[in-house]
Amino acid sequence: MHRYHIPIIILAVLAGILAVVLIFPVINIIITSDPGLLLAAIRDKEVFPSITLTLECAGYATLLALVFGVPLAYLLARFSFWGKSFIEAAINIPIIIPHAAAGIALLTVLSHGFVVGDIVKMTNVQIIDTKLGITIAMFFVSSPFLINNAIIAFNSFDAKLEKTARTLGAGFWRTFFAISLPLSFRGIIKGALMMWGRGISEFGAVVILAYHPMITSTLIFERFESYGLKHSKPVAALLILLCLVFFSFIIYAGNSHARHKEY
């Protein structure tokens, strides 16, 4: 056996162990779920509405991030200015803090007695324990995925293309919509799918800010607390299957982006 084969074998073994650790629990919960209970979960009056609500709120959060996050990503990718490093660091704060703590932070800011909470109360807009609250929690913890991917997408093509367009008479917005956005589109879509998938799986921040109406993660927690593993497992399996579908879309978007860059 050649000497260079040994490191390859070691790396292969380590990779195999990691793959088993990451994949086995996910596959196991699906294949060991009782088919009868799985069908019962599908027909459950609470399960389908919770899945619909989860998809809906994650979608709204993603749309908000597209509207506000993509322009911010372009600004960070193309311009240098005072405070840029601070903004780039601030974007990633929701990723590094515990999401339950993020929920407490949001609840504190949006509650009566704080400036933002008092302003919201004056407008008669209800946030706590509403769809809006769920959307805000999902937006807060998952928007970094979209913004960071959008920054990478804008940096993936030569800025000289934009400068050339402006030299030929195209204005800022025309250049952005005709060149910048199309060239970064696949990367932005990948980030949007990652954000949507992360929003779907969110629990910690949502359960603090908006326990009701229940999204799927909250329903799984309640079923586990009330009825144990047997009755929470089928709902968890359904949510995992849903997340795997979005994971497949993310892989497809990533592969499409890679093929597009090759050409």
C-alpha atoms as a PDB file:
ATOM      1  CA  MET A   1       0.000   0.000   0.000  1.00  0.00           C
ATOM      2  CA  HIS A   2       1.384   3.372  -0.998  1.00  0.00           C
ATOM      3  CA  ARG A   3       1.992   5.867   1.801  1.00  0.00           C
ATOM      4  CA  TYR A   4      -0.383   8.432   0.312  1.00  0.00           C
ATOM      5  CA  HIS A   5      -3.226   5.888   0.478  1.00  0.00           C
ATOM      6  CA  ILE A   6      -3.251   5.949   4.296  1.00  0.00           C
ATOM      7  CA  PRO A   7      -4.345   9.625   4.668  1.00  0.00           C
ATOM      8  CA  ILE A   8      -7.041   9.043   2.035  1.00  0.00           C
ATOM      9  CA  ILE A   9      -8.359   6.017   3.940  1.00  0.00           C
ATOM     10  CA  ILE A  10      -8.346   7.969   7.227  1.00  0.00           C
ATOM     11  CA  LEU A  11     -10.209  10.874   5.618  1.00  0.00           C
ATOM     12  CA  ALA A  12     -12.713   8.474   4.041  1.00  0.00           C
ATOM     13  CA  VAL A  13     -13.380   6.783   7.402  1.00  0.00           C
ATOM     14  CA  LEU A  14     -13.834  10.133   9.171  1.00  0.00           C
ATOM     15  CA  ALA A  15     -16.144  11.346   6.404  1.00  0.00           C
ATOM     16  CA  GLY A  16     -18.140   8.114   6.620  1.00  0.00           C
ATOM     17  CA  ILE A  17     -18.549   8.426  10.395  1.00  0.00           C
ATOM     18  CA  LEU A  18     -19.681  12.043  10.056  1.00  0.00           C
ATOM     19  CA  ALA A  19     -22.143  11.110   7.303  1.00  0.00           C
ATOM     20  CA  VAL A  20     -23.649   8.366   9.481  1.00  0.00           C
ATOM     21  CA  VAL A  21     -23.929  10.694  12.498  1.00  0.00           C
ATOM     22  CA  LEU A  22     -25.668  13.393  10.431  1.00  0.00           C
ATOM     23  CA  ILE A  23     -27.837  11.267   8.163  1.00  0.00           C
ATOM     24  CA  PHE A  24     -28.823   8.219  10.244  1.00  0.00           C
ATOM     25  CA  PRO A  25     -31.063  10.010  12.811  1.00  0.00           C
ATOM     26  CA  VAL A  26     -32.927  11.755   9.975  1.00  0.00           C
ATOM     27  CA  ILE A  27     -33.468   8.577   7.946  1.00  0.00           C
ATOM     28  CA  ASN A  28     -34.232   6.536  11.062  1.00  0.00           C
ATOM     29  CA  ILE A  29     -37.108   8.737  12.233  1.00  0.00           C
ATOM     30  CA  ILE A  30     -38.733   8.443   8.804  1.00  0.00           C
ATOM     31  CA  ILE A  31     -38.377   4.681   8.300  1.00  0.00           C
ATOM     32  CA  THR A  32     -39.278   3.755  11.894  1.00  0.00           C
ATOM     33  CA  SER A  33     -42.406   5.907  12.096  1.00  0.00           C
ATOM     34  CA  ASP A  34     -45.593   3.866  12.392  1.00  0.00           C
ATOM     35  CA  PRO A  35     -47.376   4.099   8.985  1.00  0.00           C
ATOM     36  CA  GLY A  36     -50.739   4.216  10.729  1.00  0.00           C
ATOM     37  CA  LEU A  37     -49.688   7.095  12.971  1.00  0.00           C
ATOM     38  CA  LEU A  38     -48.073   8.814   9.983  1.00  0.00           C
ATOM     39  CA  LEU A  39     -51.364   8.660   8.069  1.00  0.00           C
ATOM     40  CA  ALA A  40     -53.201   9.810  11.187  1.00  0.00           C
ATOM     41  CA  ALA A  41     -50.823  12.770  11.435  1.00  0.00           C
ATOM     42  CA  ILE A  42     -51.504  13.677   7.803  1.00  0.00           C
ATOM     43  CA  ARG A  43     -55.258  13.631   8.503  1.00  0.00           C
ATOM     44  CA  ASP A  44     -54.882  15.422  11.831  1.00  0.00           C
ATOM     45  CA  LYS A  45     -56.859  18.684  11.946  1.00  0.00           C
ATOM     46  CA  GLU A  46     -53.962  20.466  13.654  1.00  0.00           C
ATOM     47  CA  VAL A  47     -51.051  19.155  11.575  1.00  0.00           C
ATOM     48  CA  PHE A  48     -51.981  20.362   8.086  1.00  0.00           C
ATOM     49  CA  PRO A  49     -52.918  23.909   9.236  1.00  0.00           C
ATOM     50  CA  SER A  50     -49.637  24.118  11.173  1.00  0.00           C
ATOM     51  CA  ILE A  51     -47.655  23.059   8.082  1.00  0.00           C
ATOM     52  CA  THR A  52     -49.537  25.591   5.942  1.00  0.00           C
ATOM     53  CA  LEU A  53     -48.922  28.310   8.532  1.00  0.00           C
ATOM     54  CA  THR A  54     -45.223  27.412   8.709  1.00  0.00           C
ATOM     55  CA  LEU A  55     -44.807  27.595   4.930  1.00  0.00           C
ATOM     56  CA  GLU A  56     -46.794  30.831   4.743  1.00  0.00           C
ATOM     57  CA  CYS A  57     -44.885  32.691   7.461  1.00  0.00           C
ATOM     58  CA  ALA A  58     -41.509  31.438   6.204  1.00  0.00           C
ATOM     59  CA  GLY A  59     -42.523  32.668   2.748  1.00  0.00           C
ATOM     60  CA  TYR A  60     -43.489  36.113   4.059  1.00  0.00           C
ATOM     61  CA  ALA A  61     -40.195  36.354   5.967  1.00  0.00           C
ATOM     62  CA  THR A  62     -38.271  35.436   2.817  1.00  0.00           C
ATOM     63  CA  LEU A  63     -40.126  38.044   0.759  1.00  0.00           C
ATOM     64  CA  LEU A  64     -39.260  40.685   3.363  1.00  0.00           C
ATOM     65  CA  ALA A  65     -35.608  39.685   3.183  1.00  0.00           C
ATOM     66  CA  LEU A  66     -35.663  39.863  -0.621  1.00  0.00           C
ATOM     67  CA  VAL A  67     -37.093  43.393  -0.492  1.00  0.00           C
ATOM     68  CA  PHE A  68     -34.759  44.732   2.206  1.00  0.00           C
ATOM     69  CA  GLY A  69     -31.852  42.288   2.222  1.00  0.00           C
ATOM     70  CA  VAL A  70     -30.920  42.173  -1.467  1.00  0.00           C
ATOM     71  CA  PRO A  71     -30.357  45.960  -1.738  1.00  0.00           C
ATOM     72  CA  LEU A  72     -28.300  45.802   1.471  1.00  0.00           C
ATOM     73  CA  ALA A  73     -26.269  42.906   0.060  1.00  0.00           C
ATOM     74  CA  TYR A  74     -25.572  44.877  -3.114  1.00  0.00           C
ATOM     75  CA  LEU A  75     -24.500  47.891  -1.066  1.00  0.00           C
ATOM     76  CA  LEU A  76     -22.083  45.759   0.964  1.00  0.00           C
ATOM     77  CA  ALA A  77     -20.748  43.962  -2.108  1.00  0.00           C
ATOM     78  CA  ARG A  78     -20.093  47.043  -4.234  1.00  0.00           C
ATOM     79  CA  PHE A  79     -19.304  49.969  -1.931  1.00  0.00           C
ATOM     80  CA  SER A  80     -16.870  50.794   0.860  1.00  0.00           C
ATOM     81  CA  PHE A  81     -18.063  53.147   3.586  1.00  0.00           C
ATOM     82  CA  TRP A  82     -17.668  53.924   7.260  1.00  0.00           C
ATOM     83  CA  GLY A  83     -19.420  51.311   9.404  1.00  0.00           C
ATOM     84  CA  LYS A  84     -19.454  48.607   6.721  1.00  0.00           C
ATOM     85  CA  SER A  85     -17.599  46.095   8.912  1.00  0.00           C
ATOM     86  CA  PHE A  86     -20.046  46.721  11.750  1.00  0.00           C
ATOM     87  CA  ILE A  87     -23.049  46.075   9.480  1.00  0.00           C
ATOM     88  CA  GLU A  88     -21.474  42.892   8.103  1.00  0.00           C
ATOM     89  CA  ALA A  89     -20.903  41.656  11.654  1.00  0.00           C
ATOM     90  CA  ALA A  90     -24.387  42.701  12.799  1.00  0.00           C
ATOM     91  CA  ILE A  91     -26.012  40.714   9.986  1.00  0.00           C
ATOM     92  CA  ASN A  92     -24.568  37.495  11.428  1.00  0.00           C
ATOM     93  CA  ILE A  93     -25.532  38.136  15.061  1.00  0.00           C
ATOM     94  CA  PRO A  94     -28.813  36.139  14.772  1.00  0.00           C
ATOM     95  CA  ILE A  95     -26.779  33.107  13.656  1.00  0.00           C
ATOM     96  CA  ILE A  96     -24.465  33.048  16.675  1.00  0.00           C
ATOM     97  CA  ILE A  97     -26.919  33.790  19.514  1.00  0.00           C
ATOM     98  CA  PRO A  98     -29.277  31.106  20.898  1.00  0.00           C
ATOM     99  CA  HIS A  99     -32.630  31.449  19.184  1.00  0.00           C
ATOM    100  CA  ALA A 100     -34.541  31.317  22.445  1.00  0.00           C
ATOM    101  CA  ALA A 101     -32.491  34.342  23.520  1.00  0.00           C
ATOM    102  CA  ALA A 102     -33.353  35.976  20.196  1.00  0.00           C
ATOM    103  CA  GLY A 103     -37.029  35.387  20.966  1.00  0.00           C
ATOM    104  CA  ILE A 104     -36.654  37.008  24.392  1.00  0.00           C
ATOM    105  CA  ALA A 105     -34.850  39.971  22.802  1.00  0.00           C
ATOM    106  CA  LEU A 106     -37.632  40.437  20.236  1.00  0.00           C
ATOM    107  CA  LEU A 107     -40.342  40.058  22.878  1.00  0.00           C
ATOM    108  CA  THR A 108     -38.637  42.702  25.040  1.00  0.00           C
ATOM    109  CA  VAL A 109     -38.383  45.190  22.171  1.00  0.00           C
ATOM    110  CA  LEU A 110     -41.951  44.616  20.975  1.00  0.00           C
ATOM    111  CA  SER A 111     -43.628  44.583  24.396  1.00  0.00           C
ATOM    112  CA  HIS A 112     -45.412  47.492  26.074  1.00  0.00           C
ATOM    113  CA  GLY A 113     -42.954  49.677  27.974  1.00  0.00           C
ATOM    114  CA  PHE A 114     -40.325  49.789  25.249  1.00  0.00           C
ATOM    115  CA  VAL A 115     -40.302  52.544  22.599  1.00  0.00           C
ATOM    116  CA  VAL A 116     -40.875  50.195  19.655  1.00  0.00           C
ATOM    117  CA  GLY A 117     -43.537  48.246  21.530  1.00  0.00           C
ATOM    118  CA  ASP A 118     -45.364  51.441  22.497  1.00  0.00           C
ATOM    119  CA  ILE A 119     -45.321  52.695  18.890  1.00  0.00           C
ATOM    120  CA  VAL A 120     -46.685  49.355  17.670  1.00  0.00           C
ATOM    121  CA  LYS A 121     -49.421  49.487  20.314  1.00  0.00           C
ATOM    122  CA  MET A 122     -50.440  52.981  19.157  1.00  0.00           C
ATOM    123  CA  THR A 123     -50.971  51.620  15.632  1.00  0.00           C
ATOM    124  CA  ASN A 124     -53.177  48.808  17.007  1.00  0.00           C
ATOM    125  CA  VAL A 125     -51.011  46.233  15.223  1.00  0.00           C
ATOM    126  CA  GLN A 126     -50.849  42.925  17.084  1.00  0.00           C
ATOM    127  CA  ILE A 127     -47.494  41.123  16.904  1.00  0.00           C
ATOM    128  CA  ILE A 128     -47.242  38.812  19.904  1.00  0.00           C
ATOM    129  CA  ASP A 129     -49.019  35.479  19.314  1.00  0.00           C
ATOM    130  CA  THR A 130     -49.923  36.316  15.713  1.00  0.00           C
ATOM    131  CA  LYS A 131     -48.788  35.383  12.189  1.00  0.00           C
ATOM    132  CA  LEU A 132     -46.912  38.672  12.087  1.00  0.00           C
ATOM    133  CA  GLY A 133     -44.987  37.702  15.214  1.00  0.00           C
ATOM    134  CA  ILE A 134     -44.058  34.340  13.689  1.00  0.00           C
ATOM    135  CA  THR A 135     -42.918  36.073  10.496  1.00  0.00           C
ATOM    136  CA  ILE A 136     -40.781  38.587  12.415  1.00  0.00           C
ATOM    137  CA  ALA A 137     -39.134  35.815  14.453  1.00  0.00           C
ATOM    138  CA  MET A 138     -38.389  33.788  11.314  1.00  0.00           C
ATOM    139  CA  PHE A 139     -37.078  36.875   9.522  1.00  0.00           C
ATOM    140  CA  PHE A 140     -34.775  37.788  12.393  1.00  0.00           C
ATOM    141  CA  VAL A 141     -33.076  34.407  12.740  1.00  0.00           C
ATOM    142  CA  SER A 142     -32.950  33.328   9.078  1.00  0.00           C
ATOM    143  CA  SER A 143     -32.387  36.494   6.989  1.00  0.00           C
ATOM    144  CA  PRO A 144     -28.558  36.244   7.298  1.00  0.00           C
ATOM    145  CA  PHE A 145     -28.672  33.176   5.055  1.00  0.00           C
ATOM    146  CA  LEU A 146     -30.235  35.147   2.208  1.00  0.00           C
ATOM    147  CA  ILE A 147     -28.164  38.295   2.699  1.00  0.00           C
ATOM    148  CA  ASN A 148     -24.836  36.436   2.861  1.00  0.00           C
ATOM    149  CA  ASN A 149     -25.665  34.383  -0.233  1.00  0.00           C
ATOM    150  CA  ALA A 150     -26.710  37.539  -2.071  1.00  0.00           C
ATOM    151  CA  ILE A 151     -23.373  39.199  -1.194  1.00  0.00           C
ATOM    152  CA  ILE A 152     -21.513  36.166  -2.553  1.00  0.00           C
ATOM    153  CA  ALA A 153     -23.674  36.228  -5.689  1.00  0.00           C
ATOM    154  CA  PHE A 154     -22.973  39.918  -6.369  1.00  0.00           C
ATOM    155  CA  ASN A 155     -19.249  39.314  -5.849  1.00  0.00           C
ATOM    156  CA  SER A 156     -19.265  36.332  -8.217  1.00  0.00           C
ATOM    157  CA  PHE A 157     -19.144  38.439 -11.395  1.00  0.00           C
ATOM    158  CA  ASP A 158     -16.821  41.228 -12.494  1.00  0.00           C
ATOM    159  CA  ALA A 159     -17.984  44.707 -11.457  1.00  0.00           C
ATOM    160  CA  LYS A 160     -16.451  46.005 -14.698  1.00  0.00           C
ATOM    161  CA  LEU A 161     -19.578  44.774 -16.500  1.00  0.00           C
ATOM    162  CA  GLU A 162     -21.637  47.285 -14.524  1.00  0.00           C
ATOM    163  CA  LYS A 163     -19.104  50.063 -15.112  1.00  0.00           C
ATOM    164  CA  THR A 164     -19.154  49.348 -18.845  1.00  0.00           C
ATOM    165  CA  ALA A 165     -22.946  49.582 -18.913  1.00  0.00           C
ATOM    166  CA  ARG A 166     -22.858  52.932 -17.118  1.00  0.00           C
ATOM    167  CA  THR A 167     -20.165  54.168 -19.520  1.00  0.00           C
ATOM    168  CA  LEU A 168     -22.522  53.322 -22.392  1.00  0.00           C
ATOM    169  CA  GLY A 169     -25.234  55.483 -20.844  1.00  0.00           C
ATOM    170  CA  ALA A 170     -27.206  53.100 -18.627  1.00  0.00           C
ATOM    171  CA  GLY A 171     -28.319  54.575 -15.319  1.00  0.00           C
ATOM    172  CA  PHE A 172     -27.821  52.974 -11.916  1.00  0.00           C
ATOM    173  CA  TRP A 173     -31.212  51.263 -11.726  1.00  0.00           C
ATOM    174  CA  ARG A 174     -31.161  50.082 -15.327  1.00  0.00           C
ATOM    175  CA  THR A 175     -27.707  48.575 -14.778  1.00  0.00           C
ATOM    176  CA  PHE A 176     -28.883  46.920 -11.577  1.00  0.00           C
ATOM    177  CA  PHE A 177     -31.985  45.319 -13.100  1.00  0.00           C
ATOM    178  CA  ALA A 178     -30.461  44.510 -16.505  1.00  0.00           C
ATOM    179  CA  ILE A 179     -27.024  43.239 -15.421  1.00  0.00           C
ATOM    180  CA  SER A 180     -26.451  42.934 -11.656  1.00  0.00           C
ATOM    181  CA  LEU A 181     -29.683  41.173 -10.720  1.00  0.00           C
ATOM    182  CA  PRO A 182     -29.772  38.657 -13.623  1.00  0.00           C
ATOM    183  CA  LEU A 183     -26.125  37.661 -13.088  1.00  0.00           C
ATOM    184  CA  SER A 184     -26.661  37.134  -9.355  1.00  0.00           C
ATOM    185  CA  PHE A 185     -30.180  35.693  -9.634  1.00  0.00           C
ATOM    186  CA  ARG A 186     -29.310  32.022  -9.077  1.00  0.00           C
ATOM    187  CA  GLY A 187     -27.224  32.809  -6.010  1.00  0.00           C
ATOM    188  CA  ILE A 188     -30.003  34.951  -4.551  1.00  0.00           C
ATOM    189  CA  ILE A 189     -32.557  32.195  -5.179  1.00  0.00           C
ATOM    190  CA  LYS A 190     -30.277  29.710  -3.431  1.00  0.00           C
ATOM    191  CA  GLY A 191     -30.094  32.071  -0.443  1.00  0.00           C
ATOM    192  CA  ALA A 192     -33.879  32.515  -0.477  1.00  0.00           C
ATOM    193  CA  LEU A 193     -34.392  28.743  -0.423  1.00  0.00           C
ATOM    194  CA  MET A 194     -31.905  28.393   2.433  1.00  0.00           C
ATOM    195  CA  MET A 195     -33.693  31.124   4.355  1.00  0.00           C
ATOM    196  CA  TRP A 196     -37.116  29.601   3.696  1.00  0.00           C
ATOM    197  CA  GLY A 197     -35.890  26.186   4.808  1.00  0.00           C
ATOM    198  CA  ARG A 198     -34.326  27.670   7.945  1.00  0.00           C
ATOM    199  CA  GLY A 199     -37.531  29.545   8.689  1.00  0.00           C
ATOM    200  CA  ILE A 200     -39.572  26.363   8.371  1.00  0.00           C
ATOM    201  CA  SER A 201     -37.399  24.631  10.971  1.00  0.00           C
ATOM    202  CA  GLU A 202     -37.327  27.552  13.438  1.00  0.00           C
ATOM    203  CA  PHE A 203     -38.573  26.934  16.971  1.00  0.00           C
ATOM    204  CA  GLY A 204     -36.744  28.846  19.707  1.00  0.00           C
ATOM    205  CA  ALA A 205     -37.521  32.422  18.690  1.00  0.00           C
ATOM    206  CA  VAL A 206     -41.044  31.626  17.500  1.00  0.00           C
ATOM    207  CA  VAL A 207     -42.129  29.775  20.630  1.00  0.00           C
ATOM    208  CA  ILE A 208     -41.166  32.814  22.746  1.00  0.00           C
ATOM    209  CA  LEU A 209     -42.692  35.520  20.549  1.00  0.00           C
ATOM    210  CA  ALA A 210     -45.701  33.673  19.122  1.00  0.00           C
ATOM    211  CA  TYR A 211     -46.543  30.301  20.690  1.00  0.00           C
ATOM    212  CA  HIS A 212     -49.977  30.558  19.114  1.00  0.00           C
ATOM    213  CA  PRO A 213     -50.985  30.019  16.378  1.00  0.00           C
ATOM    214  CA  MET A 214     -48.750  26.952  16.362  1.00  0.00           C
ATOM    215  CA  ILE A 215     -46.275  26.316  13.587  1.00  0.00           C
ATOM    216  CA  THR A 216     -45.175  22.710  13.009  1.00  0.00           C
ATOM    217  CA  SER A 217     -42.102  22.906  15.275  1.00  0.00           C
ATOM    218  CA  THR A 218     -44.228  24.200  18.148  1.00  0.00           C
ATOM    219  CA  LEU A 219     -46.843  21.506  17.516  1.00  0.00           C
ATOM    220  CA  ILE A 220     -44.148  18.812  17.672  1.00  0.00           C
ATOM    221  CA  PHE A 221     -42.954  20.211  20.999  1.00  0.00           C
ATOM    222  CA  GLU A 222     -46.490  20.309  22.407  1.00  0.00           C
ATOM    223  CA  ARG A 223     -47.254  16.758  21.245  1.00  0.00           C
ATOM    224  CA  PHE A 224     -44.034  15.522  22.826  1.00  0.00           C
ATOM    225  CA  GLU A 225     -44.774  17.297  26.115  1.00  0.00           C
ATOM    226  CA  SER A 226     -48.395  16.095  26.214  1.00  0.00           C
ATOM    227  CA  TYR A 227     -48.321  12.629  24.622  1.00  0.00           C
ATOM    228  CA  GLY A 228     -44.676  11.569  24.420  1.00  0.00           C
ATOM    229  CA  LEU A 229     -42.420  10.358  21.633  1.00  0.00           C
ATOM    230  CA  LYS A 230     -44.912   8.031  19.951  1.00  0.00           C
ATOM    231  CA  HIS A 231     -47.321  10.807  18.949  1.00  0.00           C
ATOM    232  CA  SER A 232     -44.750  13.534  18.275  1.00  0.00           C
ATOM    233  CA  LYS A 233     -42.586  11.334  16.040  1.00  0.00           C
ATOM    234  CA  PRO A 234     -44.949  11.194  12.998  1.00  0.00           C
ATOM    235  CA  VAL A 235     -45.324  14.984  12.963  1.00  0.00           C
ATOM    236  CA  ALA A 236     -41.540  15.332  13.229  1.00  0.00           C
ATOM    237  CA  ALA A 237     -41.142  12.892  10.322  1.00  0.00           C
ATOM    238  CA  LEU A 238     -43.474  15.006   8.175  1.00  0.00           C
ATOM    239  CA  LEU A 239     -41.512  18.173   8.983  1.00  0.00           C
ATOM    240  CA  ILE A 240     -38.220  16.423   8.199  1.00  0.00           C
ATOM    241  CA  LEU A 241     -39.599  15.247   4.844  1.00  0.00           C
ATOM    242  CA  LEU A 242     -40.661  18.818   4.118  1.00  0.00           C
ATOM    243  CA  CYS A 243     -37.186  20.120   4.992  1.00  0.00           C
ATOM    244  CA  LEU A 244     -35.587  17.448   2.788  1.00  0.00           C
ATOM    245  CA  VAL A 245     -37.665  18.681  -0.141  1.00  0.00           C
ATOM    246  CA  PHE A 246     -36.286  22.195   0.356  1.00  0.00           C
ATOM    247  CA  PHE A 247     -32.797  20.768   0.807  1.00  0.00           C
ATOM    248  CA  SER A 248     -33.157  19.115  -2.606  1.00  0.00           C
ATOM    249  CA  PHE A 249     -34.138  22.450  -4.140  1.00  0.00           C
ATOM    250  CA  ILE A 250     -31.103  24.106  -2.513  1.00  0.00           C
ATOM    251  CA  ILE A 251     -28.772  21.465  -3.970  1.00  0.00           C
ATOM    252  CA  TYR A 252     -30.381  21.890  -7.390  1.00  0.00           C
ATOM    253  CA  ALA A 253     -30.066  25.681  -7.181  1.00  0.00           C
ATOM    254  CA  GLY A 254     -26.431  25.362  -6.127  1.00  0.00           C
ATOM    255  CA  ASN A 255     -25.614  22.985  -8.988  1.00  0.00           C
ATOM    256  CA  SER A 256     -27.415  25.236 -11.482  1.00  0.00           C
ATOM    257  CA  HIS A 257     -25.435  28.224 -10.208  1.00  0.00           C
ATOM    258  CA  ALA A 258     -22.163  26.288 -10.579  1.00  0.00           C
ATOM    259  CA  ARG A 259     -23.013  25.192 -14.137  1.00  0.00           C
ATOM    260  CA  HIS A 260     -24.022  28.749 -15.028  1.00  0.00           C
ATOM    261  CA  LYS A 261     -20.638  30.084 -13.823  1.00  0.00           C
ATOM    262  CA  GLU A 262     -18.803  27.511 -15.966  1.00  0.00           C
ATOM    263  CA  TYR A 263     -20.417  28.928 -19.085  1.00  0.00           C
END
